[in-house]
Amino acid sequence: QVQLVESGGGLVQAGGSLRLSCAASGRTFGDYAVGWFRQAPGNQREFVAAISRNGGSTYYADSVKGRFTISRDNAKNTVYLQMSSLKPEDTAVYYCAADRRWSGASTVLSDHDYWGQGTQVTVSS
């Protein structure tokens, strides 16, 4: 199995930027596609972005397209989420999750086998 730890969250003003990291340990990180999800208070957890095993395919929720960029460095066992032009509605706990599919990446929560503990992102207006 793989263990995931998110970092990089914090408080930022609207229009600012943050970069989240998802560090993996355990099995070979390149064996997993990885997704970022977020959950705001009172809301369901929702898909944000995902990346395939080799980084060749990426997927984004419409709400973040053009503002967020997902990338990975398998040599460092890390996936990143670069967030720019942040809005107050981006405030949430952000989670990374690993998915063992062979190709592509899933946008569905239940497809992911392993989850991190989450990192808080707060965007002030």
C-alpha atoms as a PDB file:
ATOM      1  CA  GLN A   1       0.000   0.000   0.000  1.00  0.00           C
ATOM      2  CA  VAL A   2       0.989   3.656  -0.157  1.00  0.00           C
ATOM      3  CA  GLN A   3       0.876   6.369   2.492  1.00  0.00           C
ATOM      4  CA  LEU A   4       0.093   9.953   1.463  1.00  0.00           C
ATOM      5  CA  VAL A   5       0.863  13.199   3.288  1.00  0.00           C
ATOM      6  CA  GLU A   6      -0.348  16.591   2.080  1.00  0.00           C
ATOM      7  CA  SER A   7       1.360  19.888   2.874  1.00  0.00           C
ATOM      8  CA  GLY A   8       1.443  23.479   1.703  1.00  0.00           C
ATOM      9  CA  GLY A   9      -1.960  24.685   2.827  1.00  0.00           C
ATOM     10  CA  GLY A  10      -2.489  27.978   4.610  1.00  0.00           C
ATOM     11  CA  LEU A  11      -4.199  31.343   4.614  1.00  0.00           C
ATOM     12  CA  VAL A  12      -3.983  33.488   1.476  1.00  0.00           C
ATOM     13  CA  GLN A  13      -5.773  36.543   0.155  1.00  0.00           C
ATOM     14  CA  ALA A  14      -8.063  36.313  -2.846  1.00  0.00           C
ATOM     15  CA  GLY A  15      -6.032  36.450  -6.037  1.00  0.00           C
ATOM     16  CA  GLY A  16      -3.039  34.829  -4.385  1.00  0.00           C
ATOM     17  CA  SER A  17      -1.336  31.516  -4.980  1.00  0.00           C
ATOM     18  CA  LEU A  18      -0.423  28.371  -3.071  1.00  0.00           C
ATOM     19  CA  ARG A  19       1.299  25.131  -4.010  1.00  0.00           C
ATOM     20  CA  LEU A  20       0.149  21.951  -2.349  1.00  0.00           C
ATOM     21  CA  SER A  21       2.324  18.861  -2.186  1.00  0.00           C
ATOM     22  CA  CYS A  22       1.327  15.226  -1.782  1.00  0.00           C
ATOM     23  CA  ALA A  23       4.270  13.091  -0.669  1.00  0.00           C
ATOM     24  CA  ALA A  24       4.021   9.319  -0.934  1.00  0.00           C
ATOM     25  CA  SER A  25       5.800   6.487   0.830  1.00  0.00           C
ATOM     26  CA  GLY A  26       5.433   2.739   0.595  1.00  0.00           C
ATOM     27  CA  ARG A  27       4.919   1.171  -2.799  1.00  0.00           C
ATOM     28  CA  THR A  28       6.310   2.659  -6.009  1.00  0.00           C
ATOM     29  CA  PHE A  29       4.520   5.938  -6.498  1.00  0.00           C
ATOM     30  CA  GLY A  30       4.577   5.579 -10.260  1.00  0.00           C
ATOM     31  CA  ASP A  31       2.144   2.654  -9.912  1.00  0.00           C
ATOM     32  CA  TYR A  32      -0.654   5.079  -9.008  1.00  0.00           C
ATOM     33  CA  ALA A  33      -2.686   7.767 -10.650  1.00  0.00           C
ATOM     34  CA  VAL A  34      -3.340  10.573  -8.164  1.00  0.00           C
ATOM     35  CA  GLY A  35      -6.254  12.891  -7.605  1.00  0.00           C
ATOM     36  CA  TRP A  36      -6.828  16.030  -5.558  1.00  0.00           C
ATOM     37  CA  PHE A  37     -10.196  16.494  -3.901  1.00  0.00           C
ATOM     38  CA  ARG A  38     -11.535  19.133  -1.534  1.00  0.00           C
ATOM     39  CA  GLN A  39     -14.241  19.438   1.078  1.00  0.00           C
ATOM     40  CA  ALA A  40     -15.670  22.684   2.398  1.00  0.00           C
ATOM     41  CA  PRO A  41     -17.699  22.787   5.652  1.00  0.00           C
ATOM     42  CA  GLY A  42     -21.181  21.447   5.077  1.00  0.00           C
ATOM     43  CA  ASN A  43     -20.344  20.253   1.559  1.00  0.00           C
ATOM     44  CA  GLN A  44     -19.541  16.903   0.039  1.00  0.00           C
ATOM     45  CA  ARG A  45     -16.000  16.094  -0.963  1.00  0.00           C
ATOM     46  CA  GLU A  46     -15.500  17.048  -4.602  1.00  0.00           C
ATOM     47  CA  PHE A  47     -13.036  16.387  -7.380  1.00  0.00           C
ATOM     48  CA  VAL A  48     -10.447  19.073  -8.160  1.00  0.00           C
ATOM     49  CA  ALA A  49      -7.740  17.605 -10.408  1.00  0.00           C
ATOM     50  CA  ALA A  50      -6.112  14.292 -11.319  1.00  0.00           C
ATOM     51  CA  ILE A  51      -2.989  13.044 -13.061  1.00  0.00           C
ATOM     52  CA  SER A  52      -2.095   9.716 -14.638  1.00  0.00           C
ATOM     53  CA  ARG A  53       0.774   7.472 -13.561  1.00  0.00           C
ATOM     54  CA  ASN A  54       3.347   9.001 -15.883  1.00  0.00           C
ATOM     55  CA  GLY A  55       1.902  12.522 -15.807  1.00  0.00           C
ATOM     56  CA  GLY A  56       0.901  12.367 -19.444  1.00  0.00           C
ATOM     57  CA  SER A  57      -2.806  12.944 -18.793  1.00  0.00           C
ATOM     58  CA  THR A  58      -4.380  15.536 -16.522  1.00  0.00           C
ATOM     59  CA  TYR A  59      -7.986  16.305 -15.639  1.00  0.00           C
ATOM     60  CA  TYR A  60      -9.588  19.303 -13.962  1.00  0.00           C
ATOM     61  CA  ALA A  61     -12.911  20.308 -12.502  1.00  0.00           C
ATOM     62  CA  ASP A  62     -14.492  23.155 -14.481  1.00  0.00           C
ATOM     63  CA  SER A  63     -14.346  25.371 -11.402  1.00  0.00           C
ATOM     64  CA  VAL A  64     -10.532  25.305 -11.319  1.00  0.00           C
ATOM     65  CA  LYS A  65      -9.637  24.918 -14.980  1.00  0.00           C
ATOM     66  CA  GLY A  66      -7.166  27.587 -16.048  1.00  0.00           C
ATOM     67  CA  ARG A  67      -6.295  28.456 -12.428  1.00  0.00           C
ATOM     68  CA  PHE A  68      -4.914  25.201 -10.991  1.00  0.00           C
ATOM     69  CA  THR A  69      -2.189  22.959 -12.401  1.00  0.00           C
ATOM     70  CA  ILE A  70      -1.470  19.400 -11.297  1.00  0.00           C
ATOM     71  CA  SER A  71       1.955  17.854 -11.854  1.00  0.00           C
ATOM     72  CA  ARG A  72       4.085  15.038 -10.473  1.00  0.00           C
ATOM     73  CA  ASP A  73       7.710  14.071  -9.945  1.00  0.00           C
ATOM     74  CA  ASN A  74       7.865  10.297  -9.548  1.00  0.00           C
ATOM     75  CA  ALA A  75      11.572  10.451  -8.684  1.00  0.00           C
ATOM     76  CA  LYS A  76      10.577  12.497  -5.621  1.00  0.00           C
ATOM     77  CA  ASN A  77       7.378  10.514  -4.975  1.00  0.00           C
ATOM     78  CA  THR A  78       5.429  13.769  -4.986  1.00  0.00           C
ATOM     79  CA  VAL A  79       2.389  15.229  -6.720  1.00  0.00           C
ATOM     80  CA  TYR A  80       1.816  18.978  -6.733  1.00  0.00           C
ATOM     81  CA  LEU A  81      -1.205  21.208  -7.084  1.00  0.00           C
ATOM     82  CA  GLN A  82      -0.290  24.751  -8.079  1.00  0.00           C
ATOM     83  CA  MET A  83      -3.230  27.019  -7.278  1.00  0.00           C
ATOM     84  CA  SER A  84      -3.401  30.557  -8.662  1.00  0.00           C
ATOM     85  CA  SER A  85      -6.015  33.309  -8.776  1.00  0.00           C
ATOM     86  CA  LEU A  86      -7.508  31.850  -5.637  1.00  0.00           C
ATOM     87  CA  LYS A  87     -11.075  32.721  -4.681  1.00  0.00           C
ATOM     88  CA  PRO A  88     -12.866  32.557  -1.322  1.00  0.00           C
ATOM     89  CA  GLU A  89     -14.909  29.659  -2.678  1.00  0.00           C
ATOM     90  CA  ASP A  90     -11.688  27.634  -2.984  1.00  0.00           C
ATOM     91  CA  THR A  91     -11.577  27.495   0.822  1.00  0.00           C
ATOM     92  CA  ALA A  92     -11.646  23.843   1.869  1.00  0.00           C
ATOM     93  CA  VAL A  93      -9.616  20.961   3.198  1.00  0.00           C
ATOM     94  CA  TYR A  94      -7.669  19.533   0.270  1.00  0.00           C
ATOM     95  CA  TYR A  95      -6.946  15.808   0.052  1.00  0.00           C
ATOM     96  CA  CYS A  96      -4.793  13.773  -2.299  1.00  0.00           C
ATOM     97  CA  ALA A  97      -5.709  10.192  -3.119  1.00  0.00           C
ATOM     98  CA  ALA A  98      -4.118   7.321  -5.030  1.00  0.00           C
ATOM     99  CA  ASP A  99      -5.785   5.181  -7.662  1.00  0.00           C
ATOM    100  CA  ARG A 100      -4.238   1.976  -9.073  1.00  0.00           C
ATOM    101  CA  ARG A 101      -5.674   2.164 -12.591  1.00  0.00           C
ATOM    102  CA  TRP A 102      -3.301   1.439 -15.466  1.00  0.00           C
ATOM    103  CA  SER A 103      -4.105   4.407 -17.661  1.00  0.00           C
ATOM    104  CA  GLY A 104      -5.654   7.801 -17.258  1.00  0.00           C
ATOM    105  CA  ALA A 105      -6.939   8.954 -13.871  1.00  0.00           C
ATOM    106  CA  SER A 106     -10.298   8.897 -12.151  1.00  0.00           C
ATOM    107  CA  THR A 107     -12.399  11.851 -11.036  1.00  0.00           C
ATOM    108  CA  VAL A 108     -14.513   9.597  -8.794  1.00  0.00           C
ATOM    109  CA  LEU A 109     -13.879   9.459  -5.041  1.00  0.00           C
ATOM    110  CA  SER A 110     -14.710   5.783  -4.658  1.00  0.00           C
ATOM    111  CA  ASP A 111     -12.106   4.761  -7.243  1.00  0.00           C
ATOM    112  CA  HIS A 112      -9.305   5.880  -4.924  1.00  0.00           C
ATOM    113  CA  ASP A 113      -7.832   3.349  -2.524  1.00  0.00           C
ATOM    114  CA  TYR A 114      -5.564   5.525  -0.379  1.00  0.00           C
ATOM    115  CA  TRP A 115      -6.083   9.000   1.062  1.00  0.00           C
ATOM    116  CA  GLY A 116      -4.010  11.558   2.892  1.00  0.00           C
ATOM    117  CA  GLN A 117      -5.127  13.379   6.038  1.00  0.00           C
ATOM    118  CA  GLY A 118      -5.803  16.673   4.250  1.00  0.00           C
ATOM    119  CA  THR A 119      -4.430  20.214   4.384  1.00  0.00           C
ATOM    120  CA  GLN A 120      -6.499  23.335   5.041  1.00  0.00           C
ATOM    121  CA  VAL A 121      -6.627  26.107   2.446  1.00  0.00           C
ATOM    122  CA  THR A 122      -8.334  29.345   3.461  1.00  0.00           C
ATOM    123  CA  VAL A 123      -8.813  32.190   0.998  1.00  0.00           C
ATOM    124  CA  SER A 124      -9.817  35.541   2.492  1.00  0.00           C
ATOM    125  CA  SER A 125     -11.764  38.145   0.535  1.00  0.00           C
END
